Amino acid sequence: MSKIKVEGPINEGDHSEKKVILDNTPDLSDRTGEVFLEHLESAIGECRKIIADGYRMVDFWSDPDQGIQFTLKKRIR
């Protein structure tokens, strides 16, 4: 079953960065894709919480071997 994790904050210079990662471990009982969509919605919800803290999404990508990653940053100075 896929997991969602939030990494960070990582402070680099005058920016703080957080990442929301949805790994690609499949739920073998998910024959319709509904469970995957629920996990994707949860990852998006985590991104919204981080955005509410002043971050902005600067990148996202997906890879069939690694999952989906959202990168959010904010200026700290």
PDB file of N, CA and C in Angstrom:
ATOM      1  N   MET A   1       0.850  -1.174   0.000  1.00  0.00           N
ATOM      2  CA  MET A   1       0.000   0.000   0.000  1.00  0.00           C
ATOM      3  C   MET A   1       0.896   1.237   0.000  1.00  0.00           C
ATOM      4  N   SER A   2       0.534   2.208  -0.780  1.00  0.00           N
ATOM      5  CA  SER A   2       1.342   3.420  -0.897  1.00  0.00           C
ATOM      6  C   SER A   2       1.308   4.232   0.392  1.00  0.00           C
ATOM      7  N   LYS A   3       2.404   4.953   0.619  1.00  0.00           N
ATOM      8  CA  LYS A   3       2.544   5.783   1.805  1.00  0.00           C
ATOM      9  C   LYS A   3       2.817   7.212   1.379  1.00  0.00           C
ATOM     10  N   ILE A   4       2.386   8.140   2.222  1.00  0.00           N
ATOM     11  CA  ILE A   4       2.641   9.559   1.998  1.00  0.00           C
ATOM     12  C   ILE A   4       3.587  10.016   3.092  1.00  0.00           C
ATOM     13  N   LYS A   5       4.640  10.714   2.693  1.00  0.00           N
ATOM     14  CA  LYS A   5       5.527  11.278   3.711  1.00  0.00           C
ATOM     15  C   LYS A   5       5.861  12.714   3.341  1.00  0.00           C
ATOM     16  N   VAL A   6       6.081  13.495   4.380  1.00  0.00           N
ATOM     17  CA  VAL A   6       6.470  14.893   4.216  1.00  0.00           C
ATOM     18  C   VAL A   6       7.900  15.011   4.710  1.00  0.00           C
ATOM     19  N   GLU A   7       8.777  15.497   3.836  1.00  0.00           N
ATOM     20  CA  GLU A   7      10.175  15.707   4.195  1.00  0.00           C
ATOM     21  C   GLU A   7      10.436  17.198   4.367  1.00  0.00           C
ATOM     22  N   GLY A   8      11.235  17.524   5.338  1.00  0.00           N
ATOM     23  CA  GLY A   8      11.597  18.921   5.531  1.00  0.00           C
ATOM     24  C   GLY A   8      11.027  19.456   6.821  1.00  0.00           C
ATOM     25  N   PRO A   9      11.248  20.697   7.071  1.00  0.00           N
ATOM     26  CA  PRO A   9      11.822  21.689   6.172  1.00  0.00           C
ATOM     27  C   PRO A   9      13.341  21.579   6.087  1.00  0.00           C
ATOM     28  N   ILE A  10      13.838  21.834   4.907  1.00  0.00           N
ATOM     29  CA  ILE A  10      15.267  21.904   4.636  1.00  0.00           C
ATOM     30  C   ILE A  10      15.553  23.356   4.289  1.00  0.00           C
ATOM     31  N   ASN A  11      16.396  24.000   5.093  1.00  0.00           N
ATOM     32  CA  ASN A  11      16.725  25.406   4.860  1.00  0.00           C
ATOM     33  C   ASN A  11      17.976  25.498   3.998  1.00  0.00           C
ATOM     34  N   GLU A  12      17.843  26.169   2.864  1.00  0.00           N
ATOM     35  CA  GLU A  12      18.956  26.373   1.940  1.00  0.00           C
ATOM     36  C   GLU A  12      19.017  27.852   1.604  1.00  0.00           C
ATOM     37  N   GLY A  13      20.022  28.532   2.131  1.00  0.00           N
ATOM     38  CA  GLY A  13      20.150  29.962   1.879  1.00  0.00           C
ATOM     39  C   GLY A  13      18.962  30.715   2.442  1.00  0.00           C
ATOM     40  N   ASP A  14      18.247  31.424   1.580  1.00  0.00           N
ATOM     41  CA  ASP A  14      17.100  32.205   2.037  1.00  0.00           C
ATOM     42  C   ASP A  14      15.761  31.515   1.754  1.00  0.00           C
ATOM     43  N   HIS A  15      15.795  30.194   1.489  1.00  0.00           N
ATOM     44  CA  HIS A  15      14.567  29.447   1.224  1.00  0.00           C
ATOM     45  C   HIS A  15      14.457  28.230   2.142  1.00  0.00           C
ATOM     46  N   SER A  16      13.230  27.878   2.427  1.00  0.00           N
ATOM     47  CA  SER A  16      12.916  26.655   3.145  1.00  0.00           C
ATOM     48  C   SER A  16      12.156  25.754   2.178  1.00  0.00           C
ATOM     49  N   GLU A  17      12.506  24.479   2.161  1.00  0.00           N
ATOM     50  CA  GLU A  17      11.895  23.553   1.211  1.00  0.00           C
ATOM     51  C   GLU A  17      11.279  22.369   1.934  1.00  0.00           C
ATOM     52  N   LYS A  18      10.092  21.976   1.491  1.00  0.00           N
ATOM     53  CA  LYS A  18       9.440  20.768   1.960  1.00  0.00           C
ATOM     54  C   LYS A  18       9.047  19.941   0.746  1.00  0.00           C
ATOM     55  N   LYS A  19       9.004  18.619   0.949  1.00  0.00           N
ATOM     56  CA  LYS A  19       8.591  17.713  -0.127  1.00  0.00           C
ATOM     57  C   LYS A  19       7.493  16.796   0.388  1.00  0.00           C
ATOM     58  N   VAL A  20       6.483  16.590  -0.441  1.00  0.00           N
ATOM     59  CA  VAL A  20       5.428  15.618  -0.163  1.00  0.00           C
ATOM     60  C   VAL A  20       5.627  14.497  -1.166  1.00  0.00           C
ATOM     61  N   ILE A  21       5.798  13.282  -0.655  1.00  0.00           N
ATOM     62  CA  ILE A  21       6.114  12.146  -1.514  1.00  0.00           C
ATOM     63  C   ILE A  21       5.054  11.063  -1.334  1.00  0.00           C
ATOM     64  N   LEU A  22       4.513  10.619  -2.446  1.00  0.00           N
ATOM     65  CA  LEU A  22       3.574   9.500  -2.493  1.00  0.00           C
ATOM     66  C   LEU A  22       4.310   8.375  -3.192  1.00  0.00           C
ATOM     67  N   ASP A  23       4.688   7.327  -2.443  1.00  0.00           N
ATOM     68  CA  ASP A  23       5.452   6.266  -3.083  1.00  0.00           C
ATOM     69  C   ASP A  23       4.551   5.454  -4.016  1.00  0.00           C
ATOM     70  N   ASN A  24       5.157   4.587  -4.793  1.00  0.00           N
ATOM     71  CA  ASN A  24       4.399   3.889  -5.822  1.00  0.00           C
ATOM     72  C   ASN A  24       4.037   2.468  -5.445  1.00  0.00           C
ATOM     73  N   THR A  25       4.104   2.114  -4.171  1.00  0.00           N
ATOM     74  CA  THR A  25       3.754   0.761  -3.765  1.00  0.00           C
ATOM     75  C   THR A  25       2.266   0.539  -3.988  1.00  0.00           C
ATOM     76  N   PRO A  26       1.901  -0.396  -4.848  1.00  0.00           N
ATOM     77  CA  PRO A  26       0.483  -0.584  -5.163  1.00  0.00           C
ATOM     78  C   PRO A  26      -0.270  -1.312  -4.053  1.00  0.00           C
ATOM     79  N   ASP A  27      -1.543  -1.042  -3.964  1.00  0.00           N
ATOM     80  CA  ASP A  27      -2.443  -1.790  -3.109  1.00  0.00           C
ATOM     81  C   ASP A  27      -3.028  -2.880  -4.004  1.00  0.00           C
ATOM     82  N   LEU A  28      -2.645  -4.118  -3.771  1.00  0.00           N
ATOM     83  CA  LEU A  28      -3.019  -5.203  -4.681  1.00  0.00           C
ATOM     84  C   LEU A  28      -4.522  -5.452  -4.746  1.00  0.00           C
ATOM     85  N   SER A  29      -5.255  -4.991  -3.744  1.00  0.00           N
ATOM     86  CA  SER A  29      -6.709  -5.172  -3.768  1.00  0.00           C
ATOM     87  C   SER A  29      -7.417  -4.022  -4.484  1.00  0.00           C
ATOM     88  N   ASP A  30      -6.681  -3.027  -4.927  1.00  0.00           N
ATOM     89  CA  ASP A  30      -7.257  -1.849  -5.588  1.00  0.00           C
ATOM     90  C   ASP A  30      -7.437  -2.143  -7.081  1.00  0.00           C
ATOM     91  N   ARG A  31      -8.549  -2.730  -7.423  1.00  0.00           N
ATOM     92  CA  ARG A  31      -8.791  -3.117  -8.813  1.00  0.00           C
ATOM     93  C   ARG A  31      -9.351  -1.972  -9.658  1.00  0.00           C
ATOM     94  N   THR A  32      -9.839  -0.926  -9.026  1.00  0.00           N
ATOM     95  CA  THR A  32     -10.460   0.182  -9.765  1.00  0.00           C
ATOM     96  C   THR A  32      -9.611   1.450  -9.796  1.00  0.00           C
ATOM     97  N   GLY A  33      -8.613   1.527  -8.924  1.00  0.00           N
ATOM     98  CA  GLY A  33      -7.812   2.735  -8.810  1.00  0.00           C
ATOM     99  C   GLY A  33      -8.323   3.689  -7.745  1.00  0.00           C
ATOM    100  N   GLU A  34      -9.409   3.338  -7.095  1.00  0.00           N
ATOM    101  CA  GLU A  34     -10.023   4.203  -6.082  1.00  0.00           C
ATOM    102  C   GLU A  34      -9.080   4.466  -4.904  1.00  0.00           C
ATOM    103  N   VAL A  35      -8.399   3.435  -4.434  1.00  0.00           N
ATOM    104  CA  VAL A  35      -7.481   3.597  -3.296  1.00  0.00           C
ATOM    105  C   VAL A  35      -6.328   4.521  -3.686  1.00  0.00           C
ATOM    106  N   PHE A  36      -5.785   4.348  -4.876  1.00  0.00           N
ATOM    107  CA  PHE A  36      -4.720   5.231  -5.338  1.00  0.00           C
ATOM    108  C   PHE A  36      -5.189   6.678  -5.362  1.00  0.00           C
ATOM    109  N   LEU A  37      -6.394   6.908  -5.864  1.00  0.00           N
ATOM    110  CA  LEU A  37      -6.926   8.276  -5.919  1.00  0.00           C
ATOM    111  C   LEU A  37      -7.103   8.861  -4.523  1.00  0.00           C
ATOM    112  N   GLU A  38      -7.522   8.032  -3.568  1.00  0.00           N
ATOM    113  CA  GLU A  38      -7.654   8.501  -2.188  1.00  0.00           C
ATOM    114  C   GLU A  38      -6.298   8.918  -1.626  1.00  0.00           C
ATOM    115  N   HIS A  39      -5.260   8.137  -1.934  1.00  0.00           N
ATOM    116  CA  HIS A  39      -3.919   8.494  -1.458  1.00  0.00           C
ATOM    117  C   HIS A  39      -3.420   9.760  -2.139  1.00  0.00           C
ATOM    118  N   LEU A  40      -3.714   9.908  -3.420  1.00  0.00           N
ATOM    119  CA  LEU A  40      -3.328  11.122  -4.135  1.00  0.00           C
ATOM    120  C   LEU A  40      -4.033  12.338  -3.540  1.00  0.00           C
ATOM    121  N   GLU A  41      -5.314  12.192  -3.195  1.00  0.00           N
ATOM    122  CA  GLU A  41      -6.051  13.286  -2.551  1.00  0.00           C
ATOM    123  C   GLU A  41      -5.435  13.636  -1.205  1.00  0.00           C
ATOM    124  N   SER A  42      -4.974  12.634  -0.458  1.00  0.00           N
ATOM    125  CA  SER A  42      -4.321  12.892   0.832  1.00  0.00           C
ATOM    126  C   SER A  42      -3.010  13.646   0.643  1.00  0.00           C
ATOM    127  N   ALA A  43      -2.251  13.270  -0.394  1.00  0.00           N
ATOM    128  CA  ALA A  43      -0.998  13.976  -0.678  1.00  0.00           C
ATOM    129  C   ALA A  43      -1.284  15.428  -1.053  1.00  0.00           C
ATOM    130  N   ILE A  44      -2.310  15.648  -1.842  1.00  0.00           N
ATOM    131  CA  ILE A  44      -2.700  17.011  -2.221  1.00  0.00           C
ATOM    132  C   ILE A  44      -3.140  17.786  -0.983  1.00  0.00           C
ATOM    133  N   GLY A  45      -3.847  17.123  -0.074  1.00  0.00           N
ATOM    134  CA  GLY A  45      -4.241  17.760   1.183  1.00  0.00           C
ATOM    135  C   GLY A  45      -3.033  18.194   2.003  1.00  0.00           C
ATOM    136  N   GLU A  46      -1.989  17.362   2.035  1.00  0.00           N
ATOM    137  CA  GLU A  46      -0.758  17.741   2.736  1.00  0.00           C
ATOM    138  C   GLU A  46      -0.130  18.969   2.076  1.00  0.00           C
ATOM    139  N   CYS A  47      -0.145  18.991   0.736  1.00  0.00           N
ATOM    140  CA  CYS A  47       0.393  20.156   0.014  1.00  0.00           C
ATOM    141  C   CYS A  47      -0.396  21.412   0.370  1.00  0.00           C
ATOM    142  N   ARG A  48      -1.700  21.311   0.462  1.00  0.00           N
ATOM    143  CA  ARG A  48      -2.525  22.472   0.804  1.00  0.00           C
ATOM    144  C   ARG A  48      -2.195  23.004   2.194  1.00  0.00           C
ATOM    145  N   LYS A  49      -1.925  22.099   3.157  1.00  0.00           N
ATOM    146  CA  LYS A  49      -1.545  22.530   4.503  1.00  0.00           C
ATOM    147  C   LYS A  49      -0.237  23.303   4.474  1.00  0.00           C
ATOM    148  N   ILE A  50       0.709  22.801   3.685  1.00  0.00           N
ATOM    149  CA  ILE A  50       2.012  23.457   3.590  1.00  0.00           C
ATOM    150  C   ILE A  50       1.868  24.812   2.901  1.00  0.00           C
ATOM    151  N   ILE A  51       1.044  24.884   1.867  1.00  0.00           N
ATOM    152  CA  ILE A  51       0.791  26.153   1.176  1.00  0.00           C
ATOM    153  C   ILE A  51       0.161  27.158   2.134  1.00  0.00           C
ATOM    154  N   ALA A  52      -0.721  26.692   3.020  1.00  0.00           N
ATOM    155  CA  ALA A  52      -1.338  27.581   4.005  1.00  0.00           C
ATOM    156  C   ALA A  52      -0.307  28.151   4.975  1.00  0.00           C
ATOM    157  N   ASP A  53       0.852  27.482   5.100  1.00  0.00           N
ATOM    158  CA  ASP A  53       1.943  27.973   5.952  1.00  0.00           C
ATOM    159  C   ASP A  53       2.886  28.912   5.212  1.00  0.00           C
ATOM    160  N   GLY A  54       2.511  29.326   4.003  1.00  0.00           N
ATOM    161  CA  GLY A  54       3.309  30.304   3.281  1.00  0.00           C
ATOM    162  C   GLY A  54       4.209  29.739   2.193  1.00  0.00           C
ATOM    163  N   TYR A  55       4.165  28.458   1.980  1.00  0.00           N
ATOM    164  CA  TYR A  55       4.970  27.844   0.925  1.00  0.00           C
ATOM    165  C   TYR A  55       4.237  27.950  -0.409  1.00  0.00           C
ATOM    166  N   ARG A  56       4.990  27.743  -1.499  1.00  0.00           N
ATOM    167  CA  ARG A  56       4.365  27.660  -2.813  1.00  0.00           C
ATOM    168  C   ARG A  56       4.953  26.461  -3.535  1.00  0.00           C
ATOM    169  N   MET A  57       4.137  25.825  -4.360  1.00  0.00           N
ATOM    170  CA  MET A  57       4.602  24.668  -5.092  1.00  0.00           C
ATOM    171  C   MET A  57       5.485  25.135  -6.240  1.00  0.00           C
ATOM    172  N   VAL A  58       6.694  24.600  -6.292  1.00  0.00           N
ATOM    173  CA  VAL A  58       7.626  25.001  -7.343  1.00  0.00           C
ATOM    174  C   VAL A  58       7.899  23.875  -8.328  1.00  0.00           C
ATOM    175  N   ASP A  59       7.546  22.640  -7.973  1.00  0.00           N
ATOM    176  CA  ASP A  59       7.816  21.525  -8.864  1.00  0.00           C
ATOM    177  C   ASP A  59       7.012  20.307  -8.430  1.00  0.00           C
ATOM    178  N   PHE A  60       6.735  19.454  -9.394  1.00  0.00           N
ATOM    179  CA  PHE A  60       6.205  18.131  -9.099  1.00  0.00           C
ATOM    180  C   PHE A  60       6.618  17.216 -10.234  1.00  0.00           C
ATOM    181  N   TRP A  61       6.740  15.953  -9.941  1.00  0.00           N
ATOM    182  CA  TRP A  61       7.066  14.988 -10.970  1.00  0.00           C
ATOM    183  C   TRP A  61       6.575  13.620 -10.549  1.00  0.00           C
ATOM    184  N   SER A  62       6.452  12.752 -11.502  1.00  0.00           N
ATOM    185  CA  SER A  62       6.100  11.369 -11.204  1.00  0.00           C
ATOM    186  C   SER A  62       7.024  10.447 -11.971  1.00  0.00           C
ATOM    187  N   ASP A  63       7.257   9.296 -11.396  1.00  0.00           N
ATOM    188  CA  ASP A  63       8.107   8.282 -11.997  1.00  0.00           C
ATOM    189  C   ASP A  63       7.501   6.927 -11.645  1.00  0.00           C
ATOM    190  N   PRO A  64       7.349   6.029 -12.609  1.00  0.00           N
ATOM    191  CA  PRO A  64       6.715   4.741 -12.308  1.00  0.00           C
ATOM    192  C   PRO A  64       7.491   3.897 -11.303  1.00  0.00           C
ATOM    193  N   ASP A  65       8.787   4.157 -11.141  1.00  0.00           N
ATOM    194  CA  ASP A  65       9.588   3.390 -10.193  1.00  0.00           C
ATOM    195  C   ASP A  65       9.686   4.039  -8.816  1.00  0.00           C
ATOM    196  N   GLN A  66       9.381   5.344  -8.725  1.00  0.00           N
ATOM    197  CA  GLN A  66       9.564   6.044  -7.460  1.00  0.00           C
ATOM    198  C   GLN A  66       8.300   6.645  -6.884  1.00  0.00           C
ATOM    199  N   GLY A  67       7.310   6.955  -7.678  1.00  0.00           N
ATOM    200  CA  GLY A  67       6.083   7.552  -7.181  1.00  0.00           C
ATOM    201  C   GLY A  67       5.925   8.987  -7.633  1.00  0.00           C
ATOM    202  N   ILE A  68       5.256   9.785  -6.799  1.00  0.00           N
ATOM    203  CA  ILE A  68       4.974  11.191  -7.112  1.00  0.00           C
ATOM    204  C   ILE A  68       5.595  12.060  -6.026  1.00  0.00           C
ATOM    205  N   GLN A  69       6.223  13.151  -6.441  1.00  0.00           N
ATOM    206  CA  GLN A  69       6.844  14.071  -5.481  1.00  0.00           C
ATOM    207  C   GLN A  69       6.444  15.503  -5.796  1.00  0.00           C
ATOM    208  N   PHE A  70       6.016  16.210  -4.765  1.00  0.00           N
ATOM    209  CA  PHE A  70       5.692  17.635  -4.852  1.00  0.00           C
ATOM    210  C   PHE A  70       6.748  18.393  -4.063  1.00  0.00           C
ATOM    211  N   THR A  71       7.310  19.469  -4.629  1.00  0.00           N
ATOM    212  CA  THR A  71       8.309  20.283  -3.952  1.00  0.00           C
ATOM    213  C   THR A  71       7.716  21.671  -3.701  1.00  0.00           C
ATOM    214  N   LEU A  72       7.788  22.112  -2.451  1.00  0.00           N
ATOM    215  CA  LEU A  72       7.241  23.404  -2.047  1.00  0.00           C
ATOM    216  C   LEU A  72       8.323  24.210  -1.351  1.00  0.00           C
ATOM    217  N   LYS A  73       8.381  25.502  -1.628  1.00  0.00           N
ATOM    218  CA  LYS A  73       9.393  26.381  -1.035  1.00  0.00           C
ATOM    219  C   LYS A  73       8.765  27.669  -0.540  1.00  0.00           C
ATOM    220  N   LYS A  74       9.474  28.299   0.416  1.00  0.00           N
ATOM    221  CA  LYS A  74       9.122  29.645   0.828  1.00  0.00           C
ATOM    222  C   LYS A  74      10.377  30.390   1.204  1.00  0.00           C
ATOM    223  N   ARG A  75      10.323  31.687   1.033  1.00  0.00           N
ATOM    224  CA  ARG A  75      11.448  32.553   1.411  1.00  0.00           C
ATOM    225  C   ARG A  75      11.407  32.740   2.922  1.00  0.00           C
ATOM    226  N   ILE A  76      12.551  32.638   3.558  1.00  0.00           N
ATOM    227  CA  ILE A  76      12.594  32.750   5.015  1.00  0.00           C
ATOM    228  C   ILE A  76      13.289  34.012   5.479  1.00  0.00           C
ATOM    229  N   ARG A  77      13.773  34.851   4.531  1.00  0.00           N
ATOM    230  CA  ARG A  77      14.430  36.105   4.935  1.00  0.00           C
ATOM    231  C   ARG A  77      13.899  37.233   4.139  1.00  0.00           C
TER     232      ARG A  77
END
